[in-house]
Protein backbone atom coordinates (compact mmCIF):
# COMPACT_ATOMS: atom_id res chain seq x y z
CA UNK A 1 -6.37 -0.82 -26.02
CA UNK A 2 -5.60 -1.63 -22.36
CA UNK A 3 -5.42 0.46 -19.16
CA UNK A 4 -4.71 -0.21 -15.55
CA UNK A 5 -7.63 -0.87 -13.16
CA UNK A 6 -7.74 0.47 -9.54
CA UNK A 7 -6.24 -2.89 -8.48
CA UNK A 8 -3.34 -2.47 -10.76
CA UNK A 9 -4.61 -5.15 -13.21
CA UNK A 10 -4.61 -4.51 -16.88
CA UNK A 11 -8.05 -3.89 -18.32
CA UNK A 12 -8.26 -4.96 -21.97
CA UNK A 13 -10.99 -2.73 -23.33
CA UNK A 14 -11.02 -4.68 -26.69
CA UNK A 15 -12.69 -7.43 -24.76
CA UNK A 16 -15.79 -5.22 -24.74
CA UNK A 17 -16.09 -5.25 -28.53
CA UNK A 18 -17.96 -8.50 -28.55
CA UNK A 19 -20.40 -7.16 -25.94
CA UNK A 20 -20.92 -3.99 -28.00
CA UNK A 21 -21.42 -6.10 -31.13
CA UNK A 22 -24.01 -8.22 -29.48
CA UNK A 23 -26.10 -5.26 -28.21
CA UNK A 24 -25.57 -2.76 -31.04
CA UNK A 25 -29.18 -2.91 -32.23
CA UNK A 26 -30.60 -2.54 -28.72
CA UNK A 27 -29.04 0.81 -27.84
CA UNK A 28 -32.03 1.82 -25.88
CA UNK A 29 -32.61 -0.46 -22.93
CA UNK A 30 -29.33 -2.34 -23.37
CA UNK A 31 -27.48 -0.76 -20.46
CA UNK A 32 -28.10 -3.47 -17.91
CA UNK A 33 -27.45 -6.40 -20.30
CA UNK A 34 -24.24 -4.65 -21.41
CA UNK A 35 -23.20 -4.07 -17.73
CA UNK A 36 -23.93 -7.72 -16.92
CA UNK A 37 -21.89 -8.95 -19.93
CA UNK A 38 -18.99 -6.52 -19.03
CA UNK A 39 -19.05 -7.90 -15.52
CA UNK A 40 -19.03 -11.39 -16.77
CA UNK A 41 -16.02 -10.42 -18.90
CA UNK A 42 -13.96 -8.98 -16.14
CA UNK A 43 -15.43 -10.35 -12.97
CA UNK A 44 -16.26 -6.86 -11.92
CA UNK A 45 -16.91 -3.49 -13.54
CA UNK A 46 -13.56 -1.58 -13.84
CA UNK A 47 -14.01 2.26 -14.19
CA UNK A 48 -12.28 2.24 -17.57
CA UNK A 49 -14.91 -0.22 -18.81
CA UNK A 50 -17.69 1.94 -17.50
CA UNK A 51 -16.18 4.89 -19.40
CA UNK A 52 -16.14 2.90 -22.56
CA UNK A 53 -19.75 1.79 -22.13
CA UNK A 54 -20.84 5.39 -21.48
CA UNK A 55 -19.25 6.47 -24.74
CA UNK A 56 -20.56 3.53 -26.73
CA UNK A 57 -24.14 3.86 -25.48
CA UNK A 58 -24.03 7.72 -25.31
CA UNK A 59 -25.16 7.61 -21.62
CA UNK A 60 -23.65 9.97 -19.06
CA UNK A 61 -21.17 8.14 -16.81
CA UNK A 62 -23.03 9.51 -13.74
CA UNK A 63 -26.23 7.72 -14.95
CA UNK A 64 -24.25 4.45 -15.41
CA UNK A 65 -22.76 4.82 -12.01
CA UNK A 66 -26.15 5.41 -10.48
CA UNK A 67 -27.41 2.08 -12.00
CA UNK A 68 -24.31 0.23 -11.04
CA UNK A 69 -24.53 1.38 -7.34
CA UNK A 70 -28.28 0.89 -7.13
CA UNK A 71 -28.26 -2.89 -8.13
CA UNK A 72 -26.60 -5.17 -5.71
CA UNK A 73 -25.61 -7.61 -8.59
CA UNK A 74 -22.90 -5.15 -9.85
CA UNK A 75 -19.41 -4.84 -8.36
CA UNK A 76 -16.92 -2.07 -8.78
CA UNK A 77 -14.10 -4.08 -7.42
CA UNK A 78 -12.90 -7.58 -7.94
CA UNK A 79 -14.11 -10.29 -5.80
CA UNK A 80 -11.96 -12.99 -4.15
CA UNK A 81 -11.49 -16.49 -5.38
CA UNK A 82 -13.40 -17.62 -2.32
CA UNK A 83 -16.49 -15.96 -1.03
CA UNK A 84 -16.96 -16.14 2.74
CA UNK A 85 -20.45 -15.55 3.94
CA UNK A 86 -20.64 -15.06 7.75
CA UNK A 87 -24.12 -15.53 9.17
CA UNK A 88 -25.54 -12.86 11.44
CA UNK A 89 -29.04 -14.29 11.78
CA UNK A 90 -30.85 -14.79 15.03
CA UNK A 91 -29.69 -18.31 15.88
CA UNK A 92 -26.05 -17.41 15.05
CA UNK A 93 -26.25 -14.09 16.81
CA UNK A 94 -27.31 -15.62 20.04
CA UNK A 95 -24.38 -18.11 19.78
CA UNK A 96 -21.79 -15.33 19.32
CA UNK A 97 -21.53 -14.84 15.58
CA UNK A 98 -20.10 -11.40 16.23
CA UNK A 99 -16.93 -13.18 17.72
CA UNK A 100 -16.68 -15.36 14.53
CA UNK A 101 -16.93 -12.22 12.36
CA UNK A 102 -14.27 -10.47 14.40
CA UNK A 103 -12.01 -13.41 14.03
CA UNK A 104 -12.50 -13.41 10.27
CA UNK A 105 -11.84 -9.66 10.07
CA UNK A 106 -8.63 -10.15 12.04
CA UNK A 107 -7.42 -13.12 10.15
CA UNK A 108 -8.19 -11.71 6.71
CA UNK A 109 -7.34 -7.99 7.52
CA UNK A 110 -10.54 -6.72 5.83
CA UNK A 111 -14.03 -5.62 6.80
CA UNK A 112 -17.37 -7.10 5.46
CA UNK A 113 -17.61 -6.20 1.81
CA UNK A 114 -13.94 -6.24 1.35
CA UNK A 115 -11.56 -8.41 -0.59
CA UNK A 116 -8.06 -9.39 0.41
CA UNK A 117 -5.20 -7.80 -1.51
CA UNK A 118 -4.17 -11.17 -3.02
CA UNK A 119 -7.78 -11.67 -4.32
CA UNK A 120 -8.15 -14.97 -2.38
CA UNK A 121 -11.13 -14.01 -0.20
CA UNK A 122 -14.16 -11.68 -0.19
CA UNK A 123 -15.96 -11.26 3.22
CA UNK A 124 -19.66 -10.87 3.28
CA UNK A 125 -22.30 -10.87 6.05
CA UNK A 126 -25.68 -12.47 5.43
CA UNK A 127 -28.93 -12.43 7.43
CA UNK A 128 -29.34 -16.29 7.33
CA UNK A 129 -27.59 -19.14 5.69
CA UNK A 130 -30.28 -21.67 6.62
CA UNK A 131 -28.05 -23.84 8.80
CA UNK A 132 -29.47 -22.62 12.14
CA UNK A 133 -28.91 -25.99 13.90
CA UNK A 134 -25.13 -25.42 13.21
CA UNK A 135 -24.93 -21.99 14.54
CA UNK A 136 -22.73 -20.09 14.52
CA UNK A 137 -22.07 -20.85 10.84
CA UNK A 138 -20.22 -19.53 7.84
CA UNK A 139 -20.13 -20.55 4.25
CA UNK A 140 -16.90 -20.51 2.21
CA UNK A 141 -18.07 -20.90 -1.52
CA UNK A 142 -20.52 -23.79 -1.12
CA UNK A 143 -19.01 -25.38 2.11
CA UNK A 144 -20.77 -24.76 5.27
CA UNK A 145 -18.68 -24.56 8.47
CA UNK A 146 -20.79 -24.78 11.66
CA UNK A 147 -20.52 -24.83 15.41
CA UNK A 148 -17.66 -22.42 15.00
CA UNK A 149 -15.29 -21.03 17.56
CA UNK A 150 -13.20 -17.94 16.85
CA UNK A 151 -9.97 -20.00 17.37
CA UNK A 152 -10.97 -22.43 14.52
CA UNK A 153 -11.31 -19.68 11.92
CA UNK A 154 -7.61 -19.32 10.92
CA UNK A 155 -7.19 -23.07 10.42
CA UNK A 156 -10.35 -23.22 8.21
CA UNK A 157 -9.14 -20.25 6.19
CA UNK A 158 -5.64 -21.92 5.65
CA UNK A 159 -7.36 -24.92 4.07
CA UNK A 160 -8.59 -22.71 1.28
CA UNK A 161 -5.35 -20.88 0.60
CA UNK A 162 -3.31 -21.67 -2.50
């Protein structure tokens, strides 16, 4: 049985059957492992999947939503193929990381926490990447880009586009 997610993607709820089978004997206390497995299955937690989990575990959807929104590990929307982490730590801040973040927001058309419509990029801000000598710095996936200038951001992003 499939349904459409908020992003217009088809959500195949049958993919949850294996998750439910794995945790069927752990009904009490299995919510977090079930949510983790569901997120591993879809890459995020579609609302329709949360509804199915609520029914399967006989837990009110409001309680499940409370757990999902409490823990930072859970996502209610898909993440991009590439995760951009813009450092806002002290060293980066004094070297104008705010201008880098503005350039990222403009180039991508999203705010921190957002994902581009084509699911290519998710933009996050972080307190420190640990590359202070390269400030201002951003990470794209596992690649560090340092000593940034706002005018260099679009070219860097282009190198990650399909």
